[in-house]
C-alpha atoms as a PDB file:
ATOM      1  CA  UNK A   1      -0.152  -0.063  -0.155  1.00  0.00           C
ATOM      2  CA  UNK A   2       0.970   3.304  -0.956  1.00  0.00           C
ATOM      3  CA  UNK A   3       2.602   5.461   2.160  1.00  0.00           C
ATOM      4  CA  UNK A   4       0.769   8.998   2.730  1.00  0.00           C
ATOM      5  CA  UNK A   5       3.212  11.526   2.299  1.00  0.00           C
ATOM      6  CA  UNK A   6       0.919  14.801   2.070  1.00  0.00           C
ATOM      7  CA  UNK A   7       0.011  15.776   5.025  1.00  0.00           C
ATOM      8  CA  UNK A   8      -3.638  17.577   5.757  1.00  0.00           C
ATOM      9  CA  UNK A   9      -4.061  21.231   7.268  1.00  0.00           C
ATOM     10  CA  UNK A  10      -5.502  20.047  10.014  1.00  0.00           C
ATOM     11  CA  UNK A  11      -2.143  17.283  10.245  1.00  0.00           C
ATOM     12  CA  UNK A  12       0.051  20.363   9.871  1.00  0.00           C
ATOM     13  CA  UNK A  13      -2.319  22.402  12.342  1.00  0.00           C
ATOM     14  CA  UNK A  14      -1.032  19.878  14.988  1.00  0.00           C
ATOM     15  CA  UNK A  15       2.434  20.191  14.263  1.00  0.00           C
ATOM     16  CA  UNK A  16       2.846  23.550  14.284  1.00  0.00           C
ATOM     17  CA  UNK A  17       3.694  25.219  18.033  1.00  0.00           C
ATOM     18  CA  UNK A  18       2.722  29.020  18.515  1.00  0.00           C
ATOM     19  CA  UNK A  19       5.251  31.766  17.226  1.00  0.00           C
ATOM     20  CA  UNK A  20       7.279  32.889  20.186  1.00  0.00           C
ATOM     21  CA  UNK A  21       8.341  36.158  20.188  1.00  0.00           C
ATOM     22  CA  UNK A  22      12.403  35.783  21.103  1.00  0.00           C
ATOM     23  CA  UNK A  23      12.606  40.008  21.941  1.00  0.00           C
ATOM     24  CA  UNK A  24       9.305  39.760  24.514  1.00  0.00           C
ATOM     25  CA  UNK A  25      10.721  36.746  25.709  1.00  0.00           C
ATOM     26  CA  UNK A  26      14.381  37.727  26.710  1.00  0.00           C
ATOM     27  CA  UNK A  27      13.161  41.118  27.998  1.00  0.00           C
ATOM     28  CA  UNK A  28      11.138  38.873  30.491  1.00  0.00           C
ATOM     29  CA  UNK A  29      13.952  37.493  31.291  1.00  0.00           C
ATOM     30  CA  UNK A  30      16.088  40.063  32.235  1.00  0.00           C
ATOM     31  CA  UNK A  31      16.566  41.215  35.772  1.00  0.00           C
ATOM     32  CA  UNK A  32      16.683  44.809  36.699  1.00  0.00           C
ATOM     33  CA  UNK A  33      20.763  45.084  37.318  1.00  0.00           C
ATOM     34  CA  UNK A  34      20.737  43.157  33.680  1.00  0.00           C
ATOM     35  CA  UNK A  35      18.463  46.083  31.965  1.00  0.00           C
ATOM     36  CA  UNK A  36      20.569  48.471  33.867  1.00  0.00           C
ATOM     37  CA  UNK A  37      23.341  46.540  32.041  1.00  0.00           C
ATOM     38  CA  UNK A  38      22.513  46.851  28.664  1.00  0.00           C
ATOM     39  CA  UNK A  39      21.585  50.728  29.161  1.00  0.00           C
ATOM     40  CA  UNK A  40      25.291  51.404  29.943  1.00  0.00           C
ATOM     41  CA  UNK A  41      26.470  49.134  27.132  1.00  0.00           C
ATOM     42  CA  UNK A  42      23.981  50.723  25.012  1.00  0.00           C
ATOM     43  CA  UNK A  43      24.401  54.429  26.040  1.00  0.00           C
ATOM     44  CA  UNK A  44      28.031  54.236  26.777  1.00  0.00           C
ATOM     45  CA  UNK A  45      29.237  53.312  23.188  1.00  0.00           C
ATOM     46  CA  UNK A  46      28.200  56.653  21.524  1.00  0.00           C
ATOM     47  CA  UNK A  47      29.641  59.048  20.150  1.00  0.00           C
ATOM     48  CA  UNK A  48      27.877  61.351  22.892  1.00  0.00           C
ATOM     49  CA  UNK A  49      29.176  59.627  25.556  1.00  0.00           C
ATOM     50  CA  UNK A  50      33.040  59.583  23.854  1.00  0.00           C
ATOM     51  CA  UNK A  51      32.133  63.602  23.798  1.00  0.00           C
ATOM     52  CA  UNK A  52      31.322  64.151  26.937  1.00  0.00           C
ATOM     53  CA  UNK A  53      34.212  62.257  28.416  1.00  0.00           C
ATOM     54  CA  UNK A  54      36.567  64.291  25.975  1.00  0.00           C
ATOM     55  CA  UNK A  55      35.132  67.530  26.704  1.00  0.00           C
ATOM     56  CA  UNK A  56      35.332  66.542  30.535  1.00  0.00           C
ATOM     57  CA  UNK A  57      38.533  65.826  30.095  1.00  0.00           C
ATOM     58  CA  UNK A  58      39.782  68.824  27.596  1.00  0.00           C
ATOM     59  CA  UNK A  59      37.960  71.179  30.834  1.00  0.00           C
ATOM     60  CA  UNK A  60      39.477  69.458  33.922  1.00  0.00           C
ATOM     61  CA  UNK A  61      43.226  69.997  32.415  1.00  0.00           C
ATOM     62  CA  UNK A  62      42.299  72.920  31.154  1.00  0.00           C
ATOM     63  CA  UNK A  63      41.056  74.242  33.833  1.00  0.00           C
ATOM     64  CA  UNK A  64      44.005  72.808  36.328  1.00  0.00           C
ATOM     65  CA  UNK A  65      46.887  74.421  33.804  1.00  0.00           C
ATOM     66  CA  UNK A  66      45.284  77.632  33.029  1.00  0.00           C
ATOM     67  CA  UNK A  67      43.244  79.263  35.631  1.00  0.00           C
ATOM     68  CA  UNK A  68      45.183  81.528  38.158  1.00  0.00           C
ATOM     69  CA  UNK A  69      46.939  78.710  41.173  1.00  0.00           C
ATOM     70  CA  UNK A  70      44.660  79.761  43.571  1.00  0.00           C
ATOM     71  CA  UNK A  71      41.318  78.253  41.775  1.00  0.00           C
ATOM     72  CA  UNK A  72      43.166  74.854  40.747  1.00  0.00           C
ATOM     73  CA  UNK A  73      41.793  72.376  42.231  1.00  0.00           C
ATOM     74  CA  UNK A  74      43.966  69.600  40.940  1.00  0.00           C
ATOM     75  CA  UNK A  75      47.415  71.703  39.834  1.00  0.00           C
ATOM     76  CA  UNK A  76      49.676  70.600  37.122  1.00  0.00           C
ATOM     77  CA  UNK A  77      51.869  68.044  36.843  1.00  0.00           C
ATOM     78  CA  UNK A  78      49.620  66.358  40.081  1.00  0.00           C
ATOM     79  CA  UNK A  79      46.402  65.948  38.460  1.00  0.00           C
ATOM     80  CA  UNK A  80      46.277  62.800  40.462  1.00  0.00           C
ATOM     81  CA  UNK A  81      42.144  62.890  41.036  1.00  0.00           C
ATOM     82  CA  UNK A  82      41.399  63.213  37.512  1.00  0.00           C
ATOM     83  CA  UNK A  83      43.699  60.226  36.815  1.00  0.00           C
ATOM     84  CA  UNK A  84      41.863  58.136  40.364  1.00  0.00           C
ATOM     85  CA  UNK A  85      38.612  59.150  38.483  1.00  0.00           C
ATOM     86  CA  UNK A  86      39.429  57.931  34.657  1.00  0.00           C
ATOM     87  CA  UNK A  87      40.847  55.305  36.350  1.00  0.00           C
ATOM     88  CA  UNK A  88      37.495  54.805  38.243  1.00  0.00           C
ATOM     89  CA  UNK A  89      35.559  55.072  35.001  1.00  0.00           C
ATOM     90  CA  UNK A  90      37.313  51.831  33.264  1.00  0.00           C
ATOM     91  CA  UNK A  91      37.294  49.932  36.134  1.00  0.00           C
ATOM     92  CA  UNK A  92      33.293  50.096  36.855  1.00  0.00           C
ATOM     93  CA  UNK A  93      32.788  50.199  32.871  1.00  0.00           C
ATOM     94  CA  UNK A  94      34.937  47.376  31.775  1.00  0.00           C
ATOM     95  CA  UNK A  95      32.504  44.813  33.175  1.00  0.00           C
ATOM     96  CA  UNK A  96      29.515  46.391  32.856  1.00  0.00           C
ATOM     97  CA  UNK A  97      30.140  46.738  28.786  1.00  0.00           C
ATOM     98  CA  UNK A  98      30.887  43.053  28.978  1.00  0.00           C
ATOM     99  CA  UNK A  99      27.998  41.571  30.707  1.00  0.00           C
ATOM    100  CA  UNK A 100      25.647  44.161  28.831  1.00  0.00           C
ATOM    101  CA  UNK A 101      27.662  42.375  25.696  1.00  0.00           C
ATOM    102  CA  UNK A 102      26.727  39.102  26.630  1.00  0.00           C
ATOM    103  CA  UNK A 103      23.535  39.685  27.338  1.00  0.00           C
ATOM    104  CA  UNK A 104      23.003  41.018  24.110  1.00  0.00           C
ATOM    105  CA  UNK A 105      24.607  37.850  22.695  1.00  0.00           C
ATOM    106  CA  UNK A 106      22.114  35.740  24.873  1.00  0.00           C
ATOM    107  CA  UNK A 107      19.686  37.439  23.257  1.00  0.00           C
ATOM    108  CA  UNK A 108      20.647  37.109  19.144  1.00  0.00           C
ATOM    109  CA  UNK A 109      20.923  33.054  20.418  1.00  0.00           C
ATOM    110  CA  UNK A 110      17.102  33.505  21.150  1.00  0.00           C
ATOM    111  CA  UNK A 111      16.229  35.561  18.377  1.00  0.00           C
ATOM    112  CA  UNK A 112      18.285  32.983  16.119  1.00  0.00           C
ATOM    113  CA  UNK A 113      16.309  30.172  17.995  1.00  0.00           C
ATOM    114  CA  UNK A 114      13.501  31.315  16.944  1.00  0.00           C
ATOM    115  CA  UNK A 115      14.057  31.992  13.658  1.00  0.00           C
ATOM    116  CA  UNK A 116      15.025  28.912  13.335  1.00  0.00           C
ATOM    117  CA  UNK A 117      11.647  27.467  14.602  1.00  0.00           C
ATOM    118  CA  UNK A 118       9.790  29.509  12.226  1.00  0.00           C
ATOM    119  CA  UNK A 119      11.988  28.751   8.631  1.00  0.00           C
ATOM    120  CA  UNK A 120      11.731  24.841   9.729  1.00  0.00           C
ATOM    121  CA  UNK A 121       7.927  25.361  10.284  1.00  0.00           C
ATOM    122  CA  UNK A 122       7.536  27.209   6.785  1.00  0.00           C
ATOM    123  CA  UNK A 123       9.546  24.926   4.933  1.00  0.00           C
ATOM    124  CA  UNK A 124       7.231  21.557   5.928  1.00  0.00           C
ATOM    125  CA  UNK A 125       4.343  23.813   4.743  1.00  0.00           C
ATOM    126  CA  UNK A 126       5.554  24.337   1.500  1.00  0.00           C
ATOM    127  CA  UNK A 127       6.825  21.266   1.427  1.00  0.00           C
ATOM    128  CA  UNK A 128       3.291  20.268   1.741  1.00  0.00           C
ATOM    129  CA  UNK A 129       1.942  22.853  -0.507  1.00  0.00           C
ATOM    130  CA  UNK A 130       3.783  21.182  -3.206  1.00  0.00           C
ATOM    131  CA  UNK A 131       2.642  17.761  -2.388  1.00  0.00           C
ATOM    132  CA  UNK A 132      -0.744  19.277  -2.965  1.00  0.00           C
ATOM    133  CA  UNK A 133      -0.117  20.741  -6.210  1.00  0.00           C
ATOM    134  CA  UNK A 134       1.901  17.792  -7.522  1.00  0.00           C
ATOM    135  CA  UNK A 135      -1.192  15.489  -6.810  1.00  0.00           C
ATOM    136  CA  UNK A 136      -3.251  17.636  -8.490  1.00  0.00           C
ATOM    137  CA  UNK A 137      -1.563  17.597 -11.117  1.00  0.00           C
ATOM    138  CA  UNK A 138      -1.615  14.026 -11.033  1.00  0.00           C
ATOM    139  CA  UNK A 139      -5.158  14.463 -10.969  1.00  0.00           C
ATOM    140  CA  UNK A 140      -5.876  16.581 -13.757  1.00  0.00           C
ATOM    141  CA  UNK A 141      -3.976  14.445 -16.105  1.00  0.00           C
ATOM    142  CA  UNK A 142      -5.875  11.090 -15.255  1.00  0.00           C
ATOM    143  CA  UNK A 143      -8.985  13.728 -15.496  1.00  0.00           C
ATOM    144  CA  UNK A 144      -8.354  14.687 -18.986  1.00  0.00           C
ATOM    145  CA  UNK A 145      -6.491  11.315 -20.391  1.00  0.00           C
ATOM    146  CA  UNK A 146     -10.515  10.074 -18.966  1.00  0.00           C
ATOM    147  CA  UNK A 147     -11.791  12.870 -21.083  1.00  0.00           C
ATOM    148  CA  UNK A 148      -9.772  12.166 -23.806  1.00  0.00           C
ATOM    149  CA  UNK A 149     -11.127   9.070 -23.706  1.00  0.00           C
ATOM    150  CA  UNK A 150     -14.086   9.109 -23.728  1.00  0.00           C
ATOM    151  CA  UNK A 151     -14.145  11.492 -26.644  1.00  0.00           C
ATOM    152  CA  UNK A 152     -12.507   8.876 -28.460  1.00  0.00           C
ATOM    153  CA  UNK A 153     -15.162   6.232 -28.075  1.00  0.00           C
END
């Protein structure tokens, strides 16, 4: 007996899993600290942040070099406070940026998995449609052959 290859729409619907939104799932799974790390990663890696840090550095150094000595709070050549602050910024930002990148990487993996599921589902549906079209083509040929036979008789 010929094995039934063609799947009906009902069979396809039984095989289907609901489509999930990877972005919402990822967002809901994040803690408040994860949200903070992602926010820092997204904002520190911008030109605006770079310009702010660069401007602050120029102002700090300019103030402590060019204003009268009695107004300097970190006079040349010390700049110890600025070095301390800049090192603290680096020490705190680098791990936070890495945490944010790791979280974004996991999000990308979840999105890729969801895309794979959707592609697999679409492939199954297309395969079924092609099988149905092929079967309809065969049936049409049989009908035409039967019509041809009845015309000749």
